[in-house]
Structure formats: structure tokens, C-alpha cells
């Protein structure tokens, strides 16, 4: 926590570093979740995870959000694993496509209402 005072963007920078490795499939979400567990007590794990996802989506380009969503579902991730109230982070980082633990199945949604 003292490091965050000295380097205010430490959590964003950590997320960006991990995001590059996640995009290249060197890290899994489960490994990232384990690495971020100590940050859960200070409610910073969710911020780092959002930066990981944002960086990965940017690196992967047009297929980024679909790839992240697929890996999220495959690894059975849940926001509750890393933060108590993820709604604000989901909205801020525009990650509503990860609001569930299972990937969306476009074949079952045929109506557009």
C-alpha cells in the first residue's frame, strides 16, 4: 500500500504488464487471480484485473473481447473471486460482457429487443 502512495499508477502499470502476457497466452486468468489474491484485502485486485483485460483487448484488436470472454468462461472466472462490489469496475472499464462466469452463446439469442 505504501508503494501506491509513492507510485500512484502502480496498479494500472501492474495490470498492463500482466495484460501483455495474458494476451500472448503466457498467463492464464487462474494464475493472475492467484497473483492478485494479496491485493484483495485492499480492494485493488479488481483494478489490476480490469487493466489486464483492457490491455489484452487492446493488444488482440478486433477479436480481443471475444477471446477474453472465451477464456473467462473456460476458466470459470467470477468477479467475486477478486472484488466484493465489481459493478463500478465493470461499468468504468466497459466489461459488461464479463459480468457472468459463462460465455454468451449467440446461437440461443435470436430476438433483438
PDB file of N, CA and C in Angstrom:
ATOM      1  N   UNK A   1       0.829  -1.183   0.000  1.00  0.00           N
ATOM      2  CA  UNK A   1       0.000   0.000   0.000  1.00  0.00           C
ATOM      3  C   UNK A   1       0.876   1.251   0.000  1.00  0.00           C
ATOM      4  N   UNK A   2       2.022   1.218   0.685  1.00  0.00           N
ATOM      5  CA  UNK A   2       2.924   2.366   0.678  1.00  0.00           C
ATOM      6  C   UNK A   2       3.439   2.648  -0.720  1.00  0.00           C
ATOM      7  N   UNK A   3       3.633   1.613  -1.505  1.00  0.00           N
ATOM      8  CA  UNK A   3       4.102   1.782  -2.869  1.00  0.00           C
ATOM      9  C   UNK A   3       3.083   2.560  -3.700  1.00  0.00           C
ATOM     10  N   UNK A   4       1.805   2.370  -3.433  1.00  0.00           N
ATOM     11  CA  UNK A   4       0.756   3.088  -4.158  1.00  0.00           C
ATOM     12  C   UNK A   4       0.829   4.585  -3.887  1.00  0.00           C
ATOM     13  N   UNK A   5       1.291   4.970  -2.702  1.00  0.00           N
ATOM     14  CA  UNK A   5       1.455   6.393  -2.390  1.00  0.00           C
ATOM     15  C   UNK A   5       2.615   6.962  -3.188  1.00  0.00           C
ATOM     16  N   UNK A   6       3.704   6.213  -3.274  1.00  0.00           N
ATOM     17  CA  UNK A   6       4.890   6.664  -3.994  1.00  0.00           C
ATOM     18  C   UNK A   6       4.700   6.618  -5.510  1.00  0.00           C
ATOM     19  N   UNK A   7       4.013   5.603  -5.978  1.00  0.00           N
ATOM     20  CA  UNK A   7       3.798   5.422  -7.411  1.00  0.00           C
ATOM     21  C   UNK A   7       2.288   5.243  -7.636  1.00  0.00           C
ATOM     22  N   UNK A   8       1.554   6.355  -7.814  1.00  0.00           N
ATOM     23  CA  UNK A   8       0.091   6.279  -7.870  1.00  0.00           C
ATOM     24  C   UNK A   8      -0.468   5.347  -8.945  1.00  0.00           C
ATOM     25  N   UNK A   9       0.241   5.143 -10.016  1.00  0.00           N
ATOM     26  CA  UNK A   9      -0.281   4.300 -11.096  1.00  0.00           C
ATOM     27  C   UNK A   9       0.253   2.868 -11.031  1.00  0.00           C
ATOM     28  N   UNK A  10       0.720   2.446  -9.871  1.00  0.00           N
ATOM     29  CA  UNK A  10       1.326   1.112  -9.733  1.00  0.00           C
ATOM     30  C   UNK A  10       0.346   0.008 -10.127  1.00  0.00           C
ATOM     31  N   UNK A  11      -0.928   0.139  -9.749  1.00  0.00           N
ATOM     32  CA  UNK A  11      -1.896  -0.918 -10.040  1.00  0.00           C
ATOM     33  C   UNK A  11      -2.204  -0.984 -11.530  1.00  0.00           C
ATOM     34  N   UNK A  12      -2.320   0.171 -12.168  1.00  0.00           N
ATOM     35  CA  UNK A  12      -2.552   0.197 -13.614  1.00  0.00           C
ATOM     36  C   UNK A  12      -1.346  -0.364 -14.359  1.00  0.00           C
ATOM     37  N   UNK A  13      -0.153   0.005 -13.918  1.00  0.00           N
ATOM     38  CA  UNK A  13       1.057  -0.487 -14.574  1.00  0.00           C
ATOM     39  C   UNK A  13       1.225  -1.994 -14.402  1.00  0.00           C
ATOM     40  N   UNK A  14       0.918  -2.501 -13.222  1.00  0.00           N
ATOM     41  CA  UNK A  14       0.984  -3.943 -12.986  1.00  0.00           C
ATOM     42  C   UNK A  14      -0.001  -4.667 -13.907  1.00  0.00           C
ATOM     43  N   UNK A  15      -1.198  -4.115 -14.035  1.00  0.00           N
ATOM     44  CA  UNK A  15      -2.197  -4.709 -14.922  1.00  0.00           C
ATOM     45  C   UNK A  15      -1.755  -4.709 -16.374  1.00  0.00           C
ATOM     46  N   UNK A  16      -1.103  -3.645 -16.791  1.00  0.00           N
ATOM     47  CA  UNK A  16      -0.625  -3.565 -18.180  1.00  0.00           C
ATOM     48  C   UNK A  16       0.468  -4.602 -18.438  1.00  0.00           C
ATOM     49  N   UNK A  17       1.371  -4.767 -17.485  1.00  0.00           N
ATOM     50  CA  UNK A  17       2.432  -5.766 -17.655  1.00  0.00           C
ATOM     51  C   UNK A  17       1.854  -7.178 -17.734  1.00  0.00           C
ATOM     52  N   UNK A  18       0.934  -7.475 -16.842  1.00  0.00           N
ATOM     53  CA  UNK A  18       0.325  -8.800 -16.840  1.00  0.00           C
ATOM     54  C   UNK A  18      -0.578  -8.980 -18.059  1.00  0.00           C
ATOM     55  N   UNK A  19      -1.193  -7.902 -18.508  1.00  0.00           N
ATOM     56  CA  UNK A  19      -2.092  -7.957 -19.664  1.00  0.00           C
ATOM     57  C   UNK A  19      -1.380  -8.376 -20.938  1.00  0.00           C
ATOM     58  N   UNK A  20      -0.165  -7.905 -21.109  1.00  0.00           N
ATOM     59  CA  UNK A  20       0.614  -8.302 -22.280  1.00  0.00           C
ATOM     60  C   UNK A  20       0.878  -9.804 -22.267  1.00  0.00           C
ATOM     61  N   UNK A  21       1.238 -10.332 -21.118  1.00  0.00           N
ATOM     62  CA  UNK A  21       1.497 -11.773 -21.009  1.00  0.00           C
ATOM     63  C   UNK A  21       0.211 -12.583 -21.160  1.00  0.00           C
ATOM     64  N   UNK A  22      -0.890 -12.053 -20.661  1.00  0.00           N
ATOM     65  CA  UNK A  22      -2.176 -12.736 -20.803  1.00  0.00           C
ATOM     66  C   UNK A  22      -2.597 -12.762 -22.276  1.00  0.00           C
ATOM     67  N   UNK A  23      -2.422 -11.662 -22.974  1.00  0.00           N
ATOM     68  CA  UNK A  23      -2.795 -11.592 -24.388  1.00  0.00           C
ATOM     69  C   UNK A  23      -1.997 -12.594 -25.219  1.00  0.00           C
ATOM     70  N   UNK A  24      -0.748 -12.810 -24.842  1.00  0.00           N
ATOM     71  CA  UNK A  24       0.118 -13.743 -25.566  1.00  0.00           C
ATOM     72  C   UNK A  24      -0.025 -15.177 -25.050  1.00  0.00           C
ATOM     73  N   UNK A  25      -0.975 -15.370 -24.139  1.00  0.00           N
ATOM     74  CA  UNK A  25      -1.282 -16.676 -23.546  1.00  0.00           C
ATOM     75  C   UNK A  25      -0.128 -17.258 -22.728  1.00  0.00           C
ATOM     76  N   UNK A  26       0.696 -16.383 -22.168  1.00  0.00           N
ATOM     77  CA  UNK A  26       1.747 -16.835 -21.262  1.00  0.00           C
ATOM     78  C   UNK A  26       1.205 -16.963 -19.844  1.00  0.00           C
ATOM     79  N   UNK A  27       0.137 -16.237 -19.541  1.00  0.00           N
ATOM     80  CA  UNK A  27      -0.512 -16.302 -18.237  1.00  0.00           C
ATOM     81  C   UNK A  27      -1.976 -16.669 -18.426  1.00  0.00           C
ATOM     82  N   UNK A  28      -2.510 -17.448 -17.504  1.00  0.00           N
ATOM     83  CA  UNK A  28      -3.935 -17.746 -17.503  1.00  0.00           C
ATOM     84  C   UNK A  28      -4.614 -16.843 -16.482  1.00  0.00           C
ATOM     85  N   UNK A  29      -5.930 -16.766 -16.567  1.00  0.00           N
ATOM     86  CA  UNK A  29      -6.671 -15.981 -15.587  1.00  0.00           C
ATOM     87  C   UNK A  29      -6.553 -16.574 -14.191  1.00  0.00           C
ATOM     88  N   UNK A  30      -6.436 -17.885 -14.102  1.00  0.00           N
ATOM     89  CA  UNK A  30      -6.280 -18.522 -12.789  1.00  0.00           C
ATOM     90  C   UNK A  30      -4.952 -18.123 -12.142  1.00  0.00           C
ATOM     91  N   UNK A  31      -3.890 -18.059 -12.930  1.00  0.00           N
ATOM     92  CA  UNK A  31      -2.597 -17.628 -12.409  1.00  0.00           C
ATOM     93  C   UNK A  31      -2.676 -16.163 -11.971  1.00  0.00           C
ATOM     94  N   UNK A  32      -3.331 -15.351 -12.798  1.00  0.00           N
ATOM     95  CA  UNK A  32      -3.489 -13.932 -12.460  1.00  0.00           C
ATOM     96  C   UNK A  32      -4.309 -13.788 -11.181  1.00  0.00           C
ATOM     97  N   UNK A  33      -5.389 -14.545 -11.078  1.00  0.00           N
ATOM     98  CA  UNK A  33      -6.234 -14.490  -9.881  1.00  0.00           C
ATOM     99  C   UNK A  33      -5.410 -14.834  -8.634  1.00  0.00           C
ATOM    100  N   UNK A  34      -4.594 -15.858  -8.713  1.00  0.00           N
ATOM    101  CA  UNK A  34      -3.746 -16.237  -7.578  1.00  0.00           C
ATOM    102  C   UNK A  34      -2.735 -15.141  -7.242  1.00  0.00           C
ATOM    103  N   UNK A  35      -2.153 -14.551  -8.262  1.00  0.00           N
ATOM    104  CA  UNK A  35      -1.167 -13.493  -8.042  1.00  0.00           C
ATOM    105  C   UNK A  35      -1.798 -12.256  -7.410  1.00  0.00           C
ATOM    106  N   UNK A  36      -3.060 -12.011  -7.711  1.00  0.00           N
ATOM    107  CA  UNK A  36      -3.728 -10.812  -7.200  1.00  0.00           C
ATOM    108  C   UNK A  36      -4.412 -11.012  -5.854  1.00  0.00           C
ATOM    109  N   UNK A  37      -4.450 -12.224  -5.377  1.00  0.00           N
ATOM    110  CA  UNK A  37      -5.124 -12.521  -4.101  1.00  0.00           C
ATOM    111  C   UNK A  37      -4.670 -11.614  -2.951  1.00  0.00           C
ATOM    112  N   UNK A  38      -3.371 -11.342  -2.796  1.00  0.00           N
ATOM    113  CA  UNK A  38      -2.956 -10.448  -1.702  1.00  0.00           C
ATOM    114  C   UNK A  38      -3.522  -9.027  -1.820  1.00  0.00           C
ATOM    115  N   UNK A  39      -3.871  -8.609  -3.023  1.00  0.00           N
ATOM    116  CA  UNK A  39      -4.412  -7.264  -3.224  1.00  0.00           C
ATOM    117  C   UNK A  39      -5.907  -7.176  -2.907  1.00  0.00           C
ATOM    118  N   UNK A  40      -6.533  -8.319  -2.715  1.00  0.00           N
ATOM    119  CA  UNK A  40      -7.972  -8.318  -2.442  1.00  0.00           C
ATOM    120  C   UNK A  40      -8.295  -7.583  -1.146  1.00  0.00           C
ATOM    121  N   UNK A  41      -7.441  -7.713  -0.157  1.00  0.00           N
ATOM    122  CA  UNK A  41      -7.666  -7.073   1.140  1.00  0.00           C
ATOM    123  C   UNK A  41      -7.727  -5.550   1.029  1.00  0.00           C
ATOM    124  N   UNK A  42      -6.995  -4.984   0.077  1.00  0.00           N
ATOM    125  CA  UNK A  42      -7.000  -3.532  -0.110  1.00  0.00           C
ATOM    126  C   UNK A  42      -7.926  -3.113  -1.241  1.00  0.00           C
ATOM    127  N   UNK A  43      -8.684  -4.054  -1.770  1.00  0.00           N
ATOM    128  CA  UNK A  43      -9.658  -3.807  -2.830  1.00  0.00           C
ATOM    129  C   UNK A  43      -9.005  -3.287  -4.117  1.00  0.00           C
ATOM    130  N   UNK A  44      -7.800  -3.733  -4.395  1.00  0.00           N
ATOM    131  CA  UNK A  44      -7.085  -3.313  -5.605  1.00  0.00           C
ATOM    132  C   UNK A  44      -6.990  -4.420  -6.642  1.00  0.00           C
ATOM    133  N   UNK A  45      -7.301  -5.643  -6.276  1.00  0.00           N
ATOM    134  CA  UNK A  45      -7.199  -6.765  -7.208  1.00  0.00           C
ATOM    135  C   UNK A  45      -8.106  -6.565  -8.418  1.00  0.00           C
ATOM    136  N   UNK A  46      -9.290  -6.067  -8.206  1.00  0.00           N
ATOM    137  CA  UNK A  46     -10.221  -5.825  -9.309  1.00  0.00           C
ATOM    138  C   UNK A  46      -9.702  -4.799 -10.297  1.00  0.00           C
ATOM    139  N   UNK A  47      -9.063  -3.760  -9.780  1.00  0.00           N
ATOM    140  CA  UNK A  47      -8.500  -2.722 -10.653  1.00  0.00           C
ATOM    141  C   UNK A  47      -7.406  -3.316 -11.530  1.00  0.00           C
ATOM    142  N   UNK A  48      -6.525  -4.100 -10.925  1.00  0.00           N
ATOM    143  CA  UNK A  48      -5.443  -4.716 -11.698  1.00  0.00           C
ATOM    144  C   UNK A  48      -6.027  -5.660 -12.752  1.00  0.00           C
ATOM    145  N   UNK A  49      -7.017  -6.458 -12.374  1.00  0.00           N
ATOM    146  CA  UNK A  49      -7.631  -7.378 -13.331  1.00  0.00           C
ATOM    147  C   UNK A  49      -8.266  -6.616 -14.491  1.00  0.00           C
ATOM    148  N   UNK A  50      -8.927  -5.509 -14.206  1.00  0.00           N
ATOM    149  CA  UNK A  50      -9.515  -4.700 -15.277  1.00  0.00           C
ATOM    150  C   UNK A  50      -8.449  -4.177 -16.231  1.00  0.00           C
ATOM    151  N   UNK A  51      -7.326  -3.767 -15.689  1.00  0.00           N
ATOM    152  CA  UNK A  51      -6.222  -3.298 -16.534  1.00  0.00           C
ATOM    153  C   UNK A  51      -5.644  -4.444 -17.356  1.00  0.00           C
ATOM    154  N   UNK A  52      -5.560  -5.632 -16.773  1.00  0.00           N
ATOM    155  CA  UNK A  52      -5.104  -6.813 -17.520  1.00  0.00           C
ATOM    156  C   UNK A  52      -6.016  -7.039 -18.716  1.00  0.00           C
ATOM    157  N   UNK A  53      -7.309  -7.032 -18.469  1.00  0.00           N
ATOM    158  CA  UNK A  53      -8.282  -7.297 -19.534  1.00  0.00           C
ATOM    159  C   UNK A  53      -8.253  -6.191 -20.577  1.00  0.00           C
ATOM    160  N   UNK A  54      -8.237  -4.938 -20.140  1.00  0.00           N
ATOM    161  CA  UNK A  54      -8.213  -3.798 -21.071  1.00  0.00           C
ATOM    162  C   UNK A  54      -6.977  -3.859 -21.969  1.00  0.00           C
ATOM    163  N   UNK A  55      -5.827  -4.128 -21.378  1.00  0.00           N
ATOM    164  CA  UNK A  55      -4.584  -4.221 -22.152  1.00  0.00           C
ATOM    165  C   UNK A  55      -4.647  -5.376 -23.139  1.00  0.00           C
ATOM    166  N   UNK A  56      -5.145  -6.507 -22.694  1.00  0.00           N
ATOM    167  CA  UNK A  56      -5.255  -7.682 -23.564  1.00  0.00           C
ATOM    168  C   UNK A  56      -6.168  -7.414 -24.750  1.00  0.00           C
ATOM    169  N   UNK A  57      -7.311  -6.807 -24.491  1.00  0.00           N
ATOM    170  CA  UNK A  57      -8.256  -6.497 -25.562  1.00  0.00           C
ATOM    171  C   UNK A  57      -7.612  -5.542 -26.562  1.00  0.00           C
ATOM    172  N   UNK A  58      -6.888  -4.551 -26.067  1.00  0.00           N
ATOM    173  CA  UNK A  58      -6.206  -3.604 -26.964  1.00  0.00           C
ATOM    174  C   UNK A  58      -5.166  -4.314 -27.828  1.00  0.00           C
ATOM    175  N   UNK A  59      -4.404  -5.214 -27.248  1.00  0.00           N
ATOM    176  CA  UNK A  59      -3.367  -5.936 -27.984  1.00  0.00           C
ATOM    177  C   UNK A  59      -3.975  -6.875 -29.019  1.00  0.00           C
ATOM    178  N   UNK A  60      -5.045  -7.571 -28.632  1.00  0.00           N
ATOM    179  CA  UNK A  60      -5.657  -8.561 -29.515  1.00  0.00           C
ATOM    180  C   UNK A  60      -6.507  -7.950 -30.631  1.00  0.00           C
ATOM    181  N   UNK A  61      -6.826  -6.681 -30.510  1.00  0.00           N
ATOM    182  CA  UNK A  61      -7.563  -5.997 -31.568  1.00  0.00           C
ATOM    183  C   UNK A  61      -9.025  -6.394 -31.653  1.00  0.00           C
ATOM    184  N   UNK A  62      -9.509  -6.567 -32.875  1.00  0.00           N
ATOM    185  CA  UNK A  62     -10.937  -6.787 -33.105  1.00  0.00           C
ATOM    186  C   UNK A  62     -11.477  -8.055 -32.450  1.00  0.00           C
ATOM    187  N   UNK A  63     -10.642  -9.050 -32.276  1.00  0.00           N
ATOM    188  CA  UNK A  63     -11.100 -10.296 -31.648  1.00  0.00           C
ATOM    189  C   UNK A  63     -10.867 -10.310 -30.141  1.00  0.00           C
ATOM    190  N   UNK A  64     -10.357  -9.217 -29.596  1.00  0.00           N
ATOM    191  CA  UNK A  64      -9.945  -9.164 -28.204  1.00  0.00           C
ATOM    192  C   UNK A  64     -11.019  -9.476 -27.190  1.00  0.00           C
ATOM    193  N   UNK A  65     -12.152  -8.791 -27.260  1.00  0.00           N
ATOM    194  CA  UNK A  65     -13.178  -9.007 -26.245  1.00  0.00           C
ATOM    195  C   UNK A  65     -13.760 -10.410 -26.328  1.00  0.00           C
ATOM    196  N   UNK A  66     -13.893 -10.942 -27.533  1.00  0.00           N
ATOM    197  CA  UNK A  66     -14.414 -12.306 -27.676  1.00  0.00           C
ATOM    198  C   UNK A  66     -13.422 -13.326 -27.120  1.00  0.00           C
ATOM    199  N   UNK A  67     -12.143 -13.114 -27.353  1.00  0.00           N
ATOM    200  CA  UNK A  67     -11.114 -14.028 -26.847  1.00  0.00           C
ATOM    201  C   UNK A  67     -11.067 -14.005 -25.322  1.00  0.00           C
ATOM    202  N   UNK A  68     -11.114 -12.806 -24.748  1.00  0.00           N
ATOM    203  CA  UNK A  68     -11.089 -12.683 -23.295  1.00  0.00           C
ATOM    204  C   UNK A  68     -12.343 -13.325 -22.696  1.00  0.00           C
ATOM    205  N   UNK A  69     -13.485 -13.085 -23.311  1.00  0.00           N
ATOM    206  CA  UNK A  69     -14.734 -13.671 -22.825  1.00  0.00           C
ATOM    207  C   UNK A  69     -14.671 -15.195 -22.868  1.00  0.00           C
ATOM    208  N   UNK A  70     -14.103 -15.745 -23.932  1.00  0.00           N
ATOM    209  CA  UNK A  70     -13.973 -17.198 -24.063  1.00  0.00           C
ATOM    210  C   UNK A  70     -13.087 -17.757 -22.952  1.00  0.00           C
ATOM    211  N   UNK A  71     -11.953 -17.125 -22.720  1.00  0.00           N
ATOM    212  CA  UNK A  71     -11.034 -17.595 -21.681  1.00  0.00           C
ATOM    213  C   UNK A  71     -11.630 -17.402 -20.285  1.00  0.00           C
ATOM    214  N   UNK A  72     -12.382 -16.324 -20.093  1.00  0.00           N
ATOM    215  CA  UNK A  72     -13.064 -16.055 -18.819  1.00  0.00           C
ATOM    216  C   UNK A  72     -14.019 -17.203 -18.490  1.00  0.00           C
ATOM    217  N   UNK A  73     -14.819 -17.583 -19.468  1.00  0.00           N
ATOM    218  CA  UNK A  73     -15.777 -18.672 -19.266  1.00  0.00           C
ATOM    219  C   UNK A  73     -15.102 -20.016 -19.102  1.00  0.00           C
ATOM    220  N   UNK A  74     -14.082 -20.267 -19.909  1.00  0.00           N
ATOM    221  CA  UNK A  74     -13.371 -21.547 -19.856  1.00  0.00           C
ATOM    222  C   UNK A  74     -12.723 -21.763 -18.491  1.00  0.00           C
ATOM    223  N   UNK A  75     -12.203 -20.679 -17.911  1.00  0.00           N
ATOM    224  CA  UNK A  75     -11.530 -20.790 -16.615  1.00  0.00           C
ATOM    225  C   UNK A  75     -12.477 -20.554 -15.442  1.00  0.00           C
ATOM    226  N   UNK A  76     -13.777 -20.431 -15.770  1.00  0.00           N
ATOM    227  CA  UNK A  76     -14.820 -20.270 -14.740  1.00  0.00           C
ATOM    228  C   UNK A  76     -14.515 -19.131 -13.775  1.00  0.00           C
ATOM    229  N   UNK A  77     -14.142 -17.992 -14.344  1.00  0.00           N
ATOM    230  CA  UNK A  77     -13.826 -16.817 -13.536  1.00  0.00           C
ATOM    231  C   UNK A  77     -15.101 -16.151 -13.034  1.00  0.00           C
ATOM    232  N   UNK A  78     -14.967 -15.487 -11.927  1.00  0.00           N
ATOM    233  CA  UNK A  78     -16.062 -14.725 -11.345  1.00  0.00           C
ATOM    234  C   UNK A  78     -15.482 -13.465 -10.713  1.00  0.00           C
ATOM    235  N   UNK A  79     -16.185 -12.353 -10.874  1.00  0.00           N
ATOM    236  CA  UNK A  79     -15.716 -11.113 -10.267  1.00  0.00           C
ATOM    237  C   UNK A  79     -15.606 -11.244  -8.756  1.00  0.00           C
ATOM    238  N   UNK A  80     -16.468 -12.054  -8.160  1.00  0.00           N
ATOM    239  CA  UNK A  80     -16.448 -12.207  -6.702  1.00  0.00           C
ATOM    240  C   UNK A  80     -15.153 -12.852  -6.205  1.00  0.00           C
ATOM    241  N   UNK A  81     -14.394 -13.459  -7.111  1.00  0.00           N
ATOM    242  CA  UNK A  81     -13.099 -14.026  -6.735  1.00  0.00           C
ATOM    243  C   UNK A  81     -12.095 -12.945  -6.331  1.00  0.00           C
ATOM    244  N   UNK A  82     -12.276 -11.731  -6.879  1.00  0.00           N
ATOM    245  CA  UNK A  82     -11.276 -10.692  -6.658  1.00  0.00           C
ATOM    246  C   UNK A  82     -11.798  -9.388  -6.076  1.00  0.00           C
ATOM    247  N   UNK A  83     -13.090  -9.177  -6.102  1.00  0.00           N
ATOM    248  CA  UNK A  83     -13.605  -7.941  -5.509  1.00  0.00           C
ATOM    249  C   UNK A  83     -15.028  -8.144  -5.003  1.00  0.00           C
ATOM    250  N   UNK A  84     -15.376  -7.361  -4.004  1.00  0.00           N
ATOM    251  CA  UNK A  84     -16.674  -7.518  -3.366  1.00  0.00           C
ATOM    252  C   UNK A  84     -17.808  -6.854  -4.144  1.00  0.00           C
ATOM    253  N   UNK A  85     -17.535  -5.711  -4.758  1.00  0.00           N
ATOM    254  CA  UNK A  85     -18.566  -4.980  -5.487  1.00  0.00           C
ATOM    255  C   UNK A  85     -18.028  -4.583  -6.860  1.00  0.00           C
ATOM    256  N   UNK A  86     -18.116  -5.485  -7.831  1.00  0.00           N
ATOM    257  CA  UNK A  86     -17.491  -5.241  -9.134  1.00  0.00           C
ATOM    258  C   UNK A  86     -18.269  -4.313 -10.072  1.00  0.00           C
ATOM    259  N   UNK A  87     -19.508  -3.968  -9.745  1.00  0.00           N
ATOM    260  CA  UNK A  87     -20.351  -3.208 -10.669  1.00  0.00           C
ATOM    261  C   UNK A  87     -19.691  -1.918 -11.155  1.00  0.00           C
ATOM    262  N   UNK A  88     -19.062  -1.189 -10.254  1.00  0.00           N
ATOM    263  CA  UNK A  88     -18.414   0.069 -10.626  1.00  0.00           C
ATOM    264  C   UNK A  88     -17.255  -0.164 -11.599  1.00  0.00           C
ATOM    265  N   UNK A  89     -16.453  -1.188 -11.337  1.00  0.00           N
ATOM    266  CA  UNK A  89     -15.329  -1.504 -12.228  1.00  0.00           C
ATOM    267  C   UNK A  89     -15.820  -1.979 -13.588  1.00  0.00           C
ATOM    268  N   UNK A  90     -16.841  -2.819 -13.599  1.00  0.00           N
ATOM    269  CA  UNK A  90     -17.398  -3.324 -14.856  1.00  0.00           C
ATOM    270  C   UNK A  90     -17.885  -2.165 -15.711  1.00  0.00           C
ATOM    271  N   UNK A  91     -18.542  -1.202 -15.074  1.00  0.00           N
ATOM    272  CA  UNK A  91     -19.045  -0.037 -15.812  1.00  0.00           C
ATOM    273  C   UNK A  91     -17.904   0.866 -16.276  1.00  0.00           C
ATOM    274  N   UNK A  92     -16.965   1.162 -15.388  1.00  0.00           N
ATOM    275  CA  UNK A  92     -15.851   2.061 -15.713  1.00  0.00           C
ATOM    276  C   UNK A  92     -15.008   1.535 -16.875  1.00  0.00           C
ATOM    277  N   UNK A  93     -14.726   0.233 -16.857  1.00  0.00           N
ATOM    278  CA  UNK A  93     -13.868  -0.370 -17.881  1.00  0.00           C
ATOM    279  C   UNK A  93     -14.660  -0.987 -19.043  1.00  0.00           C
ATOM    280  N   UNK A  94     -15.992  -0.817 -18.999  1.00  0.00           N
ATOM    281  CA  UNK A  94     -16.876  -1.338 -20.048  1.00  0.00           C
ATOM    282  C   UNK A  94     -16.677  -2.837 -20.265  1.00  0.00           C
ATOM    283  N   UNK A  95     -16.786  -3.587 -19.184  1.00  0.00           N
ATOM    284  CA  UNK A  95     -16.559  -5.030 -19.217  1.00  0.00           C
ATOM    285  C   UNK A  95     -17.844  -5.809 -18.956  1.00  0.00           C
ATOM    286  N   UNK A  96     -18.975  -5.256 -19.360  1.00  0.00           N
ATOM    287  CA  UNK A  96     -20.247  -5.932 -19.092  1.00  0.00           C
ATOM    288  C   UNK A  96     -20.329  -7.298 -19.758  1.00  0.00           C
ATOM    289  N   UNK A  97     -19.546  -7.529 -20.778  1.00  0.00           N
ATOM    290  CA  UNK A  97     -19.536  -8.847 -21.424  1.00  0.00           C
ATOM    291  C   UNK A  97     -18.906  -9.923 -20.534  1.00  0.00           C
ATOM    292  N   UNK A  98     -18.305  -9.517 -19.413  1.00  0.00           N
ATOM    293  CA  UNK A  98     -17.724 -10.471 -18.467  1.00  0.00           C
ATOM    294  C   UNK A  98     -18.504 -10.499 -17.157  1.00  0.00           C
ATOM    295  N   UNK A  99     -19.745 -10.075 -17.182  1.00  0.00           N
ATOM    296  CA  UNK A  99     -20.498  -9.991 -15.932  1.00  0.00           C
ATOM    297  C   UNK A  99     -20.981 -11.346 -15.444  1.00  0.00           C
ATOM    298  N   UNK A 100     -20.860 -12.376 -16.273  1.00  0.00           N
ATOM    299  CA  UNK A 100     -21.206 -13.730 -15.847  1.00  0.00           C
ATOM    300  C   UNK A 100     -19.976 -14.599 -15.964  1.00  0.00           C
ATOM    301  N   UNK A 101     -20.058 -15.796 -15.427  1.00  0.00           N
ATOM    302  CA  UNK A 101     -18.903 -16.700 -15.499  1.00  0.00           C
ATOM    303  C   UNK A 101     -18.924 -17.542 -16.757  1.00  0.00           C
ATOM    304  N   UNK A 102     -20.030 -17.544 -17.490  1.00  0.00           N
ATOM    305  CA  UNK A 102     -20.120 -18.349 -18.698  1.00  0.00           C
ATOM    306  C   UNK A 102     -20.144 -17.446 -19.917  1.00  0.00           C
ATOM    307  N   UNK A 103     -19.488 -17.838 -21.009  1.00  0.00           N
ATOM    308  CA  UNK A 103     -19.519 -17.020 -22.215  1.00  0.00           C
ATOM    309  C   UNK A 103     -20.918 -16.988 -22.801  1.00  0.00           C
ATOM    310  N   UNK A 104     -21.242 -15.856 -23.401  1.00  0.00           N
ATOM    311  CA  UNK A 104     -22.541 -15.729 -24.042  1.00  0.00           C
ATOM    312  C   UNK A 104     -22.612 -16.641 -25.247  1.00  0.00           C
ATOM    313  N   UNK A 105     -23.761 -17.236 -25.442  1.00  0.00           N
ATOM    314  CA  UNK A 105     -23.963 -18.131 -26.583  1.00  0.00           C
ATOM    315  C   UNK A 105     -24.878 -17.420 -27.561  1.00  0.00           C
ATOM    316  N   UNK A 106     -24.306 -16.885 -28.631  1.00  0.00           N
ATOM    317  CA  UNK A 106     -25.073 -16.130 -29.610  1.00  0.00           C
ATOM    318  C   UNK A 106     -26.100 -16.973 -30.333  1.00  0.00           C
ATOM    319  N   UNK A 107     -25.948 -18.298 -30.353  1.00  0.00           N
ATOM    320  CA  UNK A 107     -26.876 -19.155 -31.082  1.00  0.00           C
ATOM    321  C   UNK A 107     -28.237 -19.238 -30.386  1.00  0.00           C
ATOM    322  N   UNK A 108     -28.297 -18.922 -29.093  1.00  0.00           N
ATOM    323  CA  UNK A 108     -29.573 -19.006 -28.377  1.00  0.00           C
ATOM    324  C   UNK A 108     -30.299 -17.675 -28.337  1.00  0.00           C
ATOM    325  N   UNK A 109     -29.627 -16.584 -28.652  1.00  0.00           N
ATOM    326  CA  UNK A 109     -30.286 -15.279 -28.620  1.00  0.00           C
ATOM    327  C   UNK A 109     -30.588 -14.838 -30.045  1.00  0.00           C
ATOM    328  N   UNK A 110     -31.848 -15.052 -30.457  1.00  0.00           N
ATOM    329  CA  UNK A 110     -32.233 -14.727 -31.827  1.00  0.00           C
ATOM    330  C   UNK A 110     -33.066 -13.469 -31.905  1.00  0.00           C
ATOM    331  N   UNK A 111     -33.677 -13.046 -30.797  1.00  0.00           N
ATOM    332  CA  UNK A 111     -34.500 -11.840 -30.836  1.00  0.00           C
ATOM    333  C   UNK A 111     -33.637 -10.634 -30.533  1.00  0.00           C
ATOM    334  N   UNK A 112     -34.014  -9.489 -31.100  1.00  0.00           N
ATOM    335  CA  UNK A 112     -33.266  -8.254 -30.865  1.00  0.00           C
ATOM    336  C   UNK A 112     -34.233  -7.219 -30.304  1.00  0.00           C
ATOM    337  N   UNK A 113     -34.471  -7.281 -29.023  1.00  0.00           N
ATOM    338  CA  UNK A 113     -35.389  -6.332 -28.396  1.00  0.00           C
ATOM    339  C   UNK A 113     -34.680  -5.400 -27.471  1.00  0.00           C
TER     340      UNK A 113
END
